[in-house]
Amino acid sequence: MEASRTAKSAHRLFQENPMLAYELHQIRSAELRRQAADARLAREAVRVRRAARHAETTGDAAEPDATHTVGRGRRRFPRTA
């Protein structure tokens, strides 16, 4: 019962102040982008370690700079209302 009352009061607060809802949406979006960037970084680290292990087993001595790739990435522009 308390949770539904809290949800209703939050909904009313967002209706009365749409800028608050917008700002919370921006915060959530930024957090999701950070999590996605962390996941990409972790995948890249795993890929580099896997490539290094493969190079060791095959006898190919790859330079450390050759295994690290830096992409241009996706440019993020701030959105406007």
Protein backbone atom coordinates (compact mmCIF):
# COMPACT_ATOMS: atom_id res chain seq x y z
CA MET A 1 0.00 0.00 0.00
CA GLU A 2 2.82 2.40 0.89
CA ALA A 3 4.62 1.73 -2.41
CA SER A 4 1.58 2.59 -4.48
CA ARG A 5 1.08 5.80 -2.50
CA THR A 6 4.72 6.74 -3.06
CA ALA A 7 4.44 5.98 -6.78
CA LYS A 8 1.32 8.13 -7.06
CA SER A 9 2.98 11.05 -5.29
CA ALA A 10 6.06 10.72 -7.52
CA HIS A 11 3.85 10.67 -10.62
CA ARG A 12 2.05 13.79 -9.44
CA LEU A 13 5.40 15.48 -8.72
CA PHE A 14 6.61 14.74 -12.26
CA GLN A 15 3.37 16.06 -13.75
CA GLU A 16 3.70 19.27 -11.78
CA ASN A 17 7.37 19.68 -12.64
CA PRO A 18 8.19 18.23 -16.08
CA MET A 19 11.73 19.62 -15.87
CA LEU A 20 12.42 17.30 -12.94
CA ALA A 21 11.33 14.31 -15.01
CA TYR A 22 13.52 15.50 -17.88
CA GLU A 23 16.57 15.91 -15.63
CA LEU A 24 16.06 12.47 -14.08
CA HIS A 25 15.78 11.02 -17.59
CA GLN A 26 19.08 12.68 -18.52
CA ILE A 27 20.75 11.26 -15.42
CA ARG A 28 19.47 7.75 -16.18
CA SER A 29 20.58 8.03 -19.80
CA ALA A 30 24.06 9.16 -18.78
CA GLU A 31 24.34 6.23 -16.37
CA LEU A 32 23.32 3.77 -19.08
CA ARG A 33 25.93 5.27 -21.43
CA ARG A 34 28.60 4.87 -18.72
CA GLN A 35 27.61 1.26 -18.16
CA ALA A 36 27.76 0.57 -21.90
CA ALA A 37 31.20 2.17 -22.13
CA ASP A 38 32.42 0.05 -19.21
CA ALA A 39 31.08 -3.08 -20.88
CA ARG A 40 32.82 -2.17 -24.16
CA LEU A 41 36.08 -1.57 -22.30
CA ALA A 42 35.79 -4.95 -20.56
CA ARG A 43 35.12 -6.71 -23.88
CA GLU A 44 38.12 -4.97 -25.44
CA ALA A 45 40.35 -6.05 -22.54
CA VAL A 46 39.21 -9.67 -22.91
CA ARG A 47 39.80 -9.53 -26.66
CA VAL A 48 43.33 -8.15 -26.19
CA ARG A 49 44.21 -10.80 -23.59
CA ARG A 50 42.83 -13.53 -25.84
CA ALA A 51 44.87 -12.21 -28.78
CA ALA A 52 48.00 -12.09 -26.62
CA ARG A 53 47.50 -15.69 -25.49
CA HIS A 54 46.93 -16.76 -29.07
CA ALA A 55 50.10 -14.94 -30.18
CA GLU A 56 52.09 -16.71 -27.43
CA THR A 57 50.87 -20.14 -28.46
CA THR A 58 51.46 -19.58 -32.18
CA GLY A 59 54.84 -17.91 -31.67
CA ASP A 60 53.80 -14.58 -33.16
CA ALA A 61 55.29 -11.78 -31.13
CA ALA A 62 52.84 -8.93 -31.52
CA GLU A 63 53.77 -5.48 -30.33
CA PRO A 64 51.59 -4.17 -27.51
CA ASP A 65 50.51 -1.20 -29.61
CA ALA A 66 49.46 -3.47 -32.45
CA THR A 67 46.90 -5.29 -30.29
CA HIS A 68 45.29 -2.14 -28.96
CA THR A 69 42.86 -0.53 -31.33
CA VAL A 70 41.38 2.87 -30.77
CA GLY A 71 38.22 3.48 -32.71
CA ARG A 72 36.71 6.84 -33.38
CA GLY A 73 33.74 5.79 -31.33
CA ARG A 74 30.34 7.33 -31.53
CA ARG A 75 30.16 11.06 -31.05
CA ARG A 76 27.53 12.09 -28.54
CA PHE A 77 25.75 15.40 -28.90
CA PRO A 78 23.65 16.90 -26.16
CA ARG A 79 19.98 16.74 -26.98
CA THR A 80 17.74 19.72 -26.74
CA ALA A 81 14.09 19.83 -25.92
